[in-house]
N, C-alpha and C. Protein backbone atom coordinates (compact mmCIF):
# COMPACT_ATOMS: atom_id res chain seq x y z
N UNK A 1 -57.57 6.27 19.91
CA UNK A 1 -57.84 6.84 19.05
C UNK A 1 -57.71 8.33 19.45
N UNK A 2 -58.30 9.28 18.26
CA UNK A 2 -57.77 10.68 18.64
C UNK A 2 -59.50 11.14 19.22
N UNK A 3 -60.50 10.60 19.15
CA UNK A 3 -61.84 11.06 19.85
C UNK A 3 -61.68 11.11 21.21
N UNK A 4 -62.21 12.17 21.69
CA UNK A 4 -62.57 12.12 23.08
C UNK A 4 -63.81 11.60 23.79
N UNK A 5 -63.82 11.08 24.86
CA UNK A 5 -65.52 10.51 25.07
C UNK A 5 -66.43 11.61 24.94
N UNK A 6 -66.75 12.90 24.86
CA UNK A 6 -67.62 13.82 24.88
C UNK A 6 -68.03 13.44 23.80
N UNK A 7 -66.95 13.51 22.61
CA UNK A 7 -67.42 13.32 21.18
C UNK A 7 -68.43 12.41 21.39
N UNK A 8 -67.80 10.88 21.66
CA UNK A 8 -68.27 9.50 21.23
C UNK A 8 -69.74 9.36 22.14
N UNK A 9 -70.17 10.40 22.84
CA UNK A 9 -71.50 10.11 23.85
C UNK A 9 -72.22 10.29 22.78
N UNK A 10 -73.01 9.50 22.86
CA UNK A 10 -74.28 9.64 22.06
C UNK A 10 -76.03 9.27 22.85
N UNK A 11 -76.07 9.33 24.19
CA UNK A 11 -76.89 9.66 24.87
C UNK A 11 -78.38 9.81 24.59
N UNK A 12 -78.01 11.36 24.13
CA UNK A 12 -78.96 12.49 23.99
C UNK A 12 -79.36 12.68 22.04
N UNK A 13 -78.46 11.70 21.84
CA UNK A 13 -79.10 11.71 20.23
C UNK A 13 -80.28 10.56 19.99
N UNK A 14 -81.18 11.08 19.27
CA UNK A 14 -82.47 10.07 18.70
C UNK A 14 -81.61 9.39 17.99
N UNK A 15 -82.71 7.79 17.31
CA UNK A 15 -81.96 6.53 16.80
C UNK A 15 -81.68 7.12 15.38
N UNK A 16 -82.55 8.51 15.02
CA UNK A 16 -81.95 8.47 13.24
C UNK A 16 -80.93 9.19 13.05
N UNK A 17 -80.55 10.38 14.26
CA UNK A 17 -79.01 10.83 14.42
C UNK A 17 -78.13 9.85 14.80
N UNK A 18 -78.18 8.95 15.37
CA UNK A 18 -77.26 8.01 16.07
C UNK A 18 -76.88 7.40 14.96
N UNK A 19 -77.48 7.13 14.12
CA UNK A 19 -77.26 6.17 12.72
C UNK A 19 -76.31 7.44 11.92
N UNK A 20 -76.78 8.04 11.55
CA UNK A 20 -76.03 9.35 11.09
C UNK A 20 -74.73 9.66 11.79
N UNK A 21 -74.75 9.73 12.74
CA UNK A 21 -73.87 10.14 13.55
C UNK A 21 -72.70 8.69 13.48
N UNK A 22 -73.40 7.48 13.64
CA UNK A 22 -71.76 6.43 13.34
C UNK A 22 -71.73 5.98 12.10
N UNK A 23 -72.47 6.64 10.73
CA UNK A 23 -72.03 6.62 9.69
C UNK A 23 -70.63 7.80 9.41
N UNK A 24 -71.04 8.84 10.40
CA UNK A 24 -70.06 10.21 10.04
C UNK A 24 -68.51 9.59 10.75
N UNK A 25 -69.15 9.07 11.61
CA UNK A 25 -67.82 9.13 12.72
C UNK A 25 -66.90 7.85 12.11
N UNK A 26 -67.60 6.70 11.17
CA UNK A 26 -66.69 5.32 10.33
C UNK A 26 -66.03 6.17 9.27
N UNK A 27 -66.91 7.72 8.82
CA UNK A 27 -66.29 8.15 7.47
C UNK A 27 -65.18 8.60 8.27
N UNK A 28 -64.71 9.34 9.48
CA UNK A 28 -63.68 9.78 10.02
C UNK A 28 -62.76 9.04 10.32
N UNK A 29 -62.70 7.57 10.83
CA UNK A 29 -62.07 6.78 11.41
C UNK A 29 -61.52 6.14 10.03
N UNK A 30 -62.18 5.80 8.80
CA UNK A 30 -61.36 5.69 7.43
C UNK A 30 -60.70 6.55 6.94
N UNK A 31 -60.64 8.02 7.04
CA UNK A 31 -59.91 8.97 6.15
C UNK A 31 -58.85 8.95 7.05
N UNK A 32 -58.92 9.12 8.53
CA UNK A 32 -57.96 8.52 9.31
C UNK A 32 -56.94 7.63 9.36
N UNK A 33 -57.58 6.06 8.86
CA UNK A 33 -56.67 5.26 8.56
C UNK A 33 -56.05 5.49 7.33
N UNK A 34 -56.48 6.04 6.23
CA UNK A 34 -56.10 6.42 5.29
C UNK A 34 -54.75 7.59 4.98
N UNK A 35 -55.18 8.23 5.64
CA UNK A 35 -54.03 9.43 5.95
C UNK A 35 -52.91 8.80 6.46
N UNK A 36 -53.14 7.73 7.57
CA UNK A 36 -52.18 7.05 8.27
C UNK A 36 -51.27 6.25 7.54
N UNK A 37 -52.01 5.44 6.22
CA UNK A 37 -51.42 4.63 5.42
C UNK A 37 -50.46 5.36 4.40
N UNK A 38 -50.77 6.51 3.88
CA UNK A 38 -50.36 7.57 2.99
C UNK A 38 -49.06 7.61 3.80
N UNK A 39 -49.25 7.87 4.63
CA UNK A 39 -47.33 8.59 5.39
C UNK A 39 -46.87 7.36 5.99
N UNK A 40 -47.75 5.89 5.92
CA UNK A 40 -46.67 4.95 6.48
C UNK A 40 -46.06 4.48 5.31
N UNK A 41 -46.70 4.65 4.22
CA UNK A 41 -45.67 3.82 3.10
C UNK A 41 -44.88 5.04 2.32
N UNK A 42 -44.48 6.33 2.67
CA UNK A 42 -43.87 7.01 2.58
C UNK A 42 -42.01 6.33 2.67
N UNK A 43 -41.42 6.29 1.70
CA UNK A 43 -39.86 6.03 1.94
C UNK A 43 -39.16 6.85 3.03
N UNK A 44 -38.65 6.23 3.97
CA UNK A 44 -37.86 7.14 4.54
C UNK A 44 -36.48 7.33 4.00
N UNK A 45 -35.92 8.07 4.28
CA UNK A 45 -34.54 8.70 3.90
C UNK A 45 -33.28 7.50 4.55
N UNK A 46 -32.03 7.04 3.84
CA UNK A 46 -31.13 6.70 4.29
C UNK A 46 -30.25 7.35 4.93
N UNK A 47 -29.47 6.91 6.09
CA UNK A 47 -28.44 7.47 6.34
C UNK A 47 -27.19 7.22 5.90
N UNK A 48 -26.25 7.78 5.62
CA UNK A 48 -24.98 7.04 5.28
C UNK A 48 -23.83 8.21 5.79
N UNK A 49 -22.65 8.07 5.56
CA UNK A 49 -21.60 9.02 6.16
C UNK A 49 -20.38 8.68 5.22
N UNK A 50 -19.80 10.17 5.01
CA UNK A 50 -18.84 10.06 3.59
C UNK A 50 -17.84 11.18 4.37
N UNK A 51 -16.13 10.74 4.14
CA UNK A 51 -15.45 11.76 4.44
C UNK A 51 -15.04 12.54 3.43
N UNK A 52 -14.97 14.25 3.88
CA UNK A 52 -14.94 15.04 2.69
C UNK A 52 -13.64 15.90 2.99
N UNK A 53 -13.07 16.63 2.14
CA UNK A 53 -12.11 17.65 2.26
C UNK A 53 -12.41 18.82 3.09
N UNK A 54 -11.89 19.40 4.07
CA UNK A 54 -12.36 20.43 4.72
C UNK A 54 -12.65 21.50 4.02
N UNK A 55 -11.84 21.58 2.91
CA UNK A 55 -11.91 22.89 1.92
C UNK A 55 -13.27 22.91 1.18
N UNK A 56 -13.76 21.58 0.87
CA UNK A 56 -14.69 21.28 -0.05
C UNK A 56 -16.05 21.29 1.08
N UNK A 57 -15.75 21.03 2.34
CA UNK A 57 -16.92 21.01 3.29
C UNK A 57 -17.14 22.75 3.51
N UNK A 58 -16.27 23.48 3.71
CA UNK A 58 -16.22 25.10 3.68
C UNK A 58 -16.89 25.71 2.81
N UNK A 59 -16.52 25.31 1.33
CA UNK A 59 -17.35 25.64 0.40
C UNK A 59 -18.95 25.68 0.25
N UNK A 60 -18.76 24.16 0.67
CA UNK A 60 -20.20 24.15 0.83
C UNK A 60 -21.24 24.63 1.46
N UNK A 61 -20.51 24.98 2.59
CA UNK A 61 -21.21 25.55 3.74
C UNK A 61 -21.43 26.92 3.70
N UNK A 62 -20.36 27.67 2.24
CA UNK A 62 -20.61 28.84 2.38
C UNK A 62 -22.02 29.12 1.00
N UNK A 63 -21.91 28.42 0.55
CA UNK A 63 -22.73 28.21 -0.68
C UNK A 63 -24.25 27.91 -0.07
N UNK A 64 -24.47 26.93 0.52
CA UNK A 64 -25.58 26.49 0.98
C UNK A 64 -26.40 27.21 1.77
N UNK A 65 -25.80 28.81 2.34
CA UNK A 65 -26.74 29.43 3.50
C UNK A 65 -27.45 29.03 4.36
N UNK A 66 -28.75 29.35 4.28
CA UNK A 66 -29.19 28.71 5.63
C UNK A 66 -30.40 27.27 5.24
N UNK A 67 -29.69 26.81 4.16
CA UNK A 67 -30.22 25.45 4.04
C UNK A 67 -29.51 24.41 4.33
N UNK A 68 -30.35 23.37 5.20
CA UNK A 68 -29.55 22.44 6.05
C UNK A 68 -28.53 21.42 4.96
N UNK A 69 -27.78 21.36 5.64
CA UNK A 69 -26.40 20.70 4.87
C UNK A 69 -27.18 19.34 4.12
N UNK A 70 -27.27 18.57 4.51
CA UNK A 70 -27.46 17.22 4.04
C UNK A 70 -28.64 17.28 3.07
N UNK A 71 -29.64 18.21 2.98
CA UNK A 71 -30.38 18.65 2.07
C UNK A 71 -29.68 19.40 0.76
N UNK A 72 -28.31 19.91 1.21
CA UNK A 72 -27.90 20.96 -0.01
C UNK A 72 -27.02 19.42 -0.33
N UNK A 73 -26.38 18.98 0.62
CA UNK A 73 -25.63 17.64 -0.50
C UNK A 73 -26.09 17.21 -1.48
N UNK A 74 -27.63 16.49 -0.54
CA UNK A 74 -28.25 15.76 -1.61
C UNK A 74 -28.78 16.45 -3.02
N UNK A 75 -28.93 17.77 -2.74
CA UNK A 75 -29.27 18.49 -4.00
C UNK A 75 -28.05 18.65 -4.88
N UNK A 76 -26.90 18.66 -4.52
CA UNK A 76 -25.65 18.55 -5.35
C UNK A 76 -25.39 17.38 -5.68
N UNK A 77 -25.67 16.10 -5.26
CA UNK A 77 -25.80 14.90 -5.74
C UNK A 77 -26.62 14.49 -6.48
N UNK A 78 -28.28 15.10 -6.74
CA UNK A 78 -29.11 14.62 -7.95
C UNK A 78 -28.26 15.71 -9.16
N UNK A 79 -28.14 16.81 -8.87
CA UNK A 79 -27.56 17.64 -9.90
C UNK A 79 -26.20 16.89 -10.75
N UNK A 80 -25.20 16.11 -9.92
CA UNK A 80 -24.17 15.86 -10.29
C UNK A 80 -24.26 14.35 -11.23
N UNK A 81 -25.63 13.69 -10.60
CA UNK A 81 -26.06 12.42 -11.51
C UNK A 81 -26.73 13.02 -12.48
N UNK A 82 -27.67 13.88 -12.89
CA UNK A 82 -28.21 14.50 -14.10
C UNK A 82 -27.14 14.85 -14.86
N UNK A 83 -25.85 15.41 -14.73
CA UNK A 83 -24.64 15.93 -14.91
C UNK A 83 -24.42 15.03 -15.55
N UNK A 84 -23.88 14.18 -15.37
CA UNK A 84 -22.72 12.70 -15.93
C UNK A 84 -24.05 12.28 -17.18
N UNK A 85 -25.08 12.26 -16.96
CA UNK A 85 -26.13 11.78 -17.79
C UNK A 85 -26.49 12.30 -19.31
N UNK A 86 -26.00 14.00 -18.74
CA UNK A 86 -26.15 15.13 -20.03
C UNK A 86 -24.85 15.25 -20.37
N UNK A 87 -23.79 14.59 -19.81
CA UNK A 87 -22.61 15.23 -20.36
C UNK A 87 -21.99 14.60 -21.57
N UNK A 88 -22.47 13.02 -21.87
CA UNK A 88 -21.99 12.66 -23.13
C UNK A 88 -22.60 13.33 -24.47
N UNK A 89 -23.87 13.62 -24.06
CA UNK A 89 -25.05 14.52 -25.24
C UNK A 89 -24.02 15.77 -25.72
N UNK A 90 -24.02 16.36 -24.39
CA UNK A 90 -23.11 17.42 -24.54
C UNK A 90 -22.04 17.56 -25.27
N UNK A 91 -21.12 16.61 -24.95
CA UNK A 91 -20.00 16.52 -26.01
C UNK A 91 -20.13 16.21 -27.43
N UNK A 92 -21.22 15.19 -27.88
CA UNK A 92 -21.41 14.97 -28.97
C UNK A 92 -21.90 16.23 -29.51
N UNK A 93 -22.77 17.09 -29.45
CA UNK A 93 -23.54 18.41 -29.58
C UNK A 93 -22.04 19.38 -30.20
N UNK A 94 -21.26 19.51 -29.20
CA UNK A 94 -20.15 20.04 -29.55
C UNK A 94 -19.30 19.68 -30.58
N UNK A 95 -19.05 18.32 -30.57
CA UNK A 95 -18.22 17.73 -31.79
C UNK A 95 -18.87 17.98 -33.07
N UNK A 96 -20.13 17.86 -33.44
CA UNK A 96 -21.00 18.23 -34.60
C UNK A 96 -20.87 19.70 -34.63
N UNK A 97 -21.01 20.24 -33.77
CA UNK A 97 -20.86 22.18 -33.96
C UNK A 97 -19.60 22.33 -34.61
N UNK A 98 -18.62 21.64 -34.15
CA UNK A 98 -17.35 21.39 -34.32
C UNK A 98 -17.13 21.52 -36.28
N UNK A 99 -17.52 20.45 -36.32
CA UNK A 99 -17.49 19.89 -37.75
C UNK A 99 -18.41 20.54 -38.50
N UNK A 100 -19.21 21.69 -38.19
CA UNK A 100 -20.29 22.78 -38.78
C UNK A 100 -19.59 23.91 -38.95
N UNK A 101 -19.02 23.94 -37.65
CA UNK A 101 -17.95 25.33 -37.94
C UNK A 101 -16.70 25.37 -38.18
N UNK A 102 -16.02 25.45 -39.26
CA UNK A 102 -14.70 24.95 -39.55
C UNK A 102 -13.78 25.97 -38.98
N UNK A 103 -12.52 25.89 -39.02
CA UNK A 103 -11.23 26.74 -38.58
C UNK A 103 -11.35 27.75 -39.49
N UNK A 104 -11.43 27.29 -40.72
CA UNK A 104 -11.24 28.42 -41.95
C UNK A 104 -12.40 28.04 -42.93
N UNK A 105 -12.53 28.89 -43.78
CA UNK A 105 -13.20 28.67 -44.81
C UNK A 105 -12.82 28.39 -45.86
N UNK A 106 -13.40 27.44 -47.08
CA UNK A 106 -12.75 27.64 -48.14
C UNK A 106 -12.36 28.64 -48.61
N UNK A 107 -11.24 28.56 -49.61
CA UNK A 107 -10.90 30.23 -50.42
C UNK A 107 -12.09 30.81 -51.28
N UNK A 108 -12.70 30.07 -52.03
CA UNK A 108 -14.14 30.97 -52.89
C UNK A 108 -15.07 30.98 -51.67
N UNK A 109 -15.48 30.58 -50.80
CA UNK A 109 -16.44 30.72 -49.91
C UNK A 109 -15.87 31.99 -48.61
N UNK A 110 -14.72 32.13 -48.70
CA UNK A 110 -14.19 32.98 -47.98
C UNK A 110 -14.12 34.59 -48.45
N UNK A 111 -13.69 34.50 -49.61
CA UNK A 111 -14.06 35.70 -50.42
C UNK A 111 -15.25 36.69 -50.50
N UNK A 112 -16.06 35.37 -50.61
CA UNK A 112 -17.93 36.02 -50.66
C UNK A 112 -18.15 36.29 -49.09
N UNK A 113 -17.73 35.84 -47.94
CA UNK A 113 -18.65 35.75 -46.79
C UNK A 113 -17.76 37.24 -46.28
N UNK A 114 -18.70 37.89 -45.58
CA UNK A 114 -18.67 39.20 -45.13
C UNK A 114 -17.69 39.09 -43.63
N UNK A 115 -16.87 40.35 -43.26
CA UNK A 115 -15.86 39.82 -42.11
C UNK A 115 -17.03 39.72 -41.23
N UNK A 116 -17.84 40.41 -40.61
CA UNK A 116 -18.81 39.85 -39.59
C UNK A 116 -19.34 38.60 -39.32
N UNK A 117 -19.48 38.13 -40.44
CA UNK A 117 -20.17 36.67 -40.67
C UNK A 117 -19.00 35.87 -40.25
N UNK A 118 -17.65 36.00 -40.52
CA UNK A 118 -16.51 35.34 -40.14
C UNK A 118 -16.14 35.43 -39.08
N UNK A 119 -16.47 36.69 -38.12
CA UNK A 119 -16.05 37.00 -36.91
C UNK A 119 -17.16 36.18 -36.21
N UNK A 120 -18.35 35.93 -36.30
CA UNK A 120 -19.54 35.26 -36.03
C UNK A 120 -19.17 33.48 -35.83
N UNK A 121 -18.85 33.20 -37.05
CA UNK A 121 -18.23 31.48 -36.88
C UNK A 121 -17.15 31.60 -36.31
N UNK A 122 -16.24 32.40 -35.91
CA UNK A 122 -15.02 31.88 -35.16
C UNK A 122 -15.21 32.54 -33.70
N UNK A 123 -16.26 33.58 -33.67
CA UNK A 123 -16.45 33.58 -31.82
C UNK A 123 -17.35 32.07 -31.50
N UNK A 124 -18.48 31.87 -32.05
CA UNK A 124 -19.09 30.56 -32.17
C UNK A 124 -18.06 28.87 -31.86
N UNK A 125 -17.05 29.25 -32.67
CA UNK A 125 -16.11 27.96 -32.42
C UNK A 125 -15.29 27.94 -30.96
N UNK A 126 -15.38 29.21 -30.65
CA UNK A 126 -14.30 29.38 -29.72
C UNK A 126 -15.33 28.77 -28.85
N UNK A 127 -16.39 29.86 -28.27
CA UNK A 127 -17.18 29.12 -27.51
C UNK A 127 -17.52 27.31 -27.20
N UNK A 128 -17.58 26.85 -28.39
CA UNK A 128 -17.78 25.66 -28.43
C UNK A 128 -16.54 25.02 -27.93
N UNK A 129 -15.37 25.32 -28.03
CA UNK A 129 -14.09 25.01 -27.29
C UNK A 129 -14.00 25.12 -26.11
N UNK A 130 -14.74 26.26 -25.81
CA UNK A 130 -14.39 26.44 -24.00
C UNK A 130 -15.43 25.40 -24.05
N UNK A 131 -16.59 25.46 -23.95
CA UNK A 131 -17.61 24.30 -23.22
C UNK A 131 -16.87 22.93 -23.46
N UNK A 132 -15.89 22.53 -24.36
CA UNK A 132 -15.55 21.22 -24.73
C UNK A 132 -14.33 21.09 -23.67
N UNK A 133 -13.53 22.14 -23.02
CA UNK A 133 -12.43 22.22 -22.26
C UNK A 133 -13.36 22.12 -20.87
N UNK A 134 -14.28 22.55 -20.67
CA UNK A 134 -15.03 22.91 -19.37
C UNK A 134 -15.38 21.31 -19.18
N UNK A 135 -15.70 20.21 -19.96
CA UNK A 135 -16.23 19.09 -20.01
C UNK A 135 -14.80 18.20 -19.32
N UNK A 136 -14.01 18.53 -19.93
CA UNK A 136 -12.60 17.66 -19.62
C UNK A 136 -13.12 17.50 -18.10
N UNK A 137 -12.29 16.66 -17.11
CA UNK A 137 -12.35 15.94 -15.93
C UNK A 137 -11.51 16.73 -15.37
N UNK A 138 -11.46 17.41 -13.88
CA UNK A 138 -10.77 17.80 -13.34
C UNK A 138 -9.37 16.89 -12.83
N UNK A 139 -8.15 16.87 -12.89
CA UNK A 139 -7.56 15.90 -12.45
C UNK A 139 -6.37 16.45 -11.51
C-alpha cells in the first residue's frame, strides 16, 4: 500500500479521532481501489505490423510533424474508415445534383434565364463532376 507507517501510527490519537481517522483511511482505500479498477478496465492498444511503400512512409513522416508515427497512422486509419462510410452517400448526392443541374437548359427556359444564372449552373455542375472524379478509386 502507498501509506507510510508514520501516516498509519495512531497511538497519540484519542478514540473518537481514531474512528474518524479509520473512516477516512477506508475512504482513501476505496478511492484508490476504484481508481485502479478504472485504469485496469481500460482497453490496451494492440500491436501489429504492416509493410508499406517507402515513398508513402516518407510522405507520412513529412505530414505527421512531431506526432508519433503510430498515433498518426491510427488517425489516418480512422479517417479512412470514416471516408469509406461517407463515400457512397457523397456519390449519391453528386448523382442527384447532376440530375437537378442539367447540361443544357430546355430552350424555352434558356431564353428566359439570365446569363449569370446559366454560368452559375454550369459552374456548379463542373464542381459536382470534379467531386465525382475525385471519388473514383486510384488504379
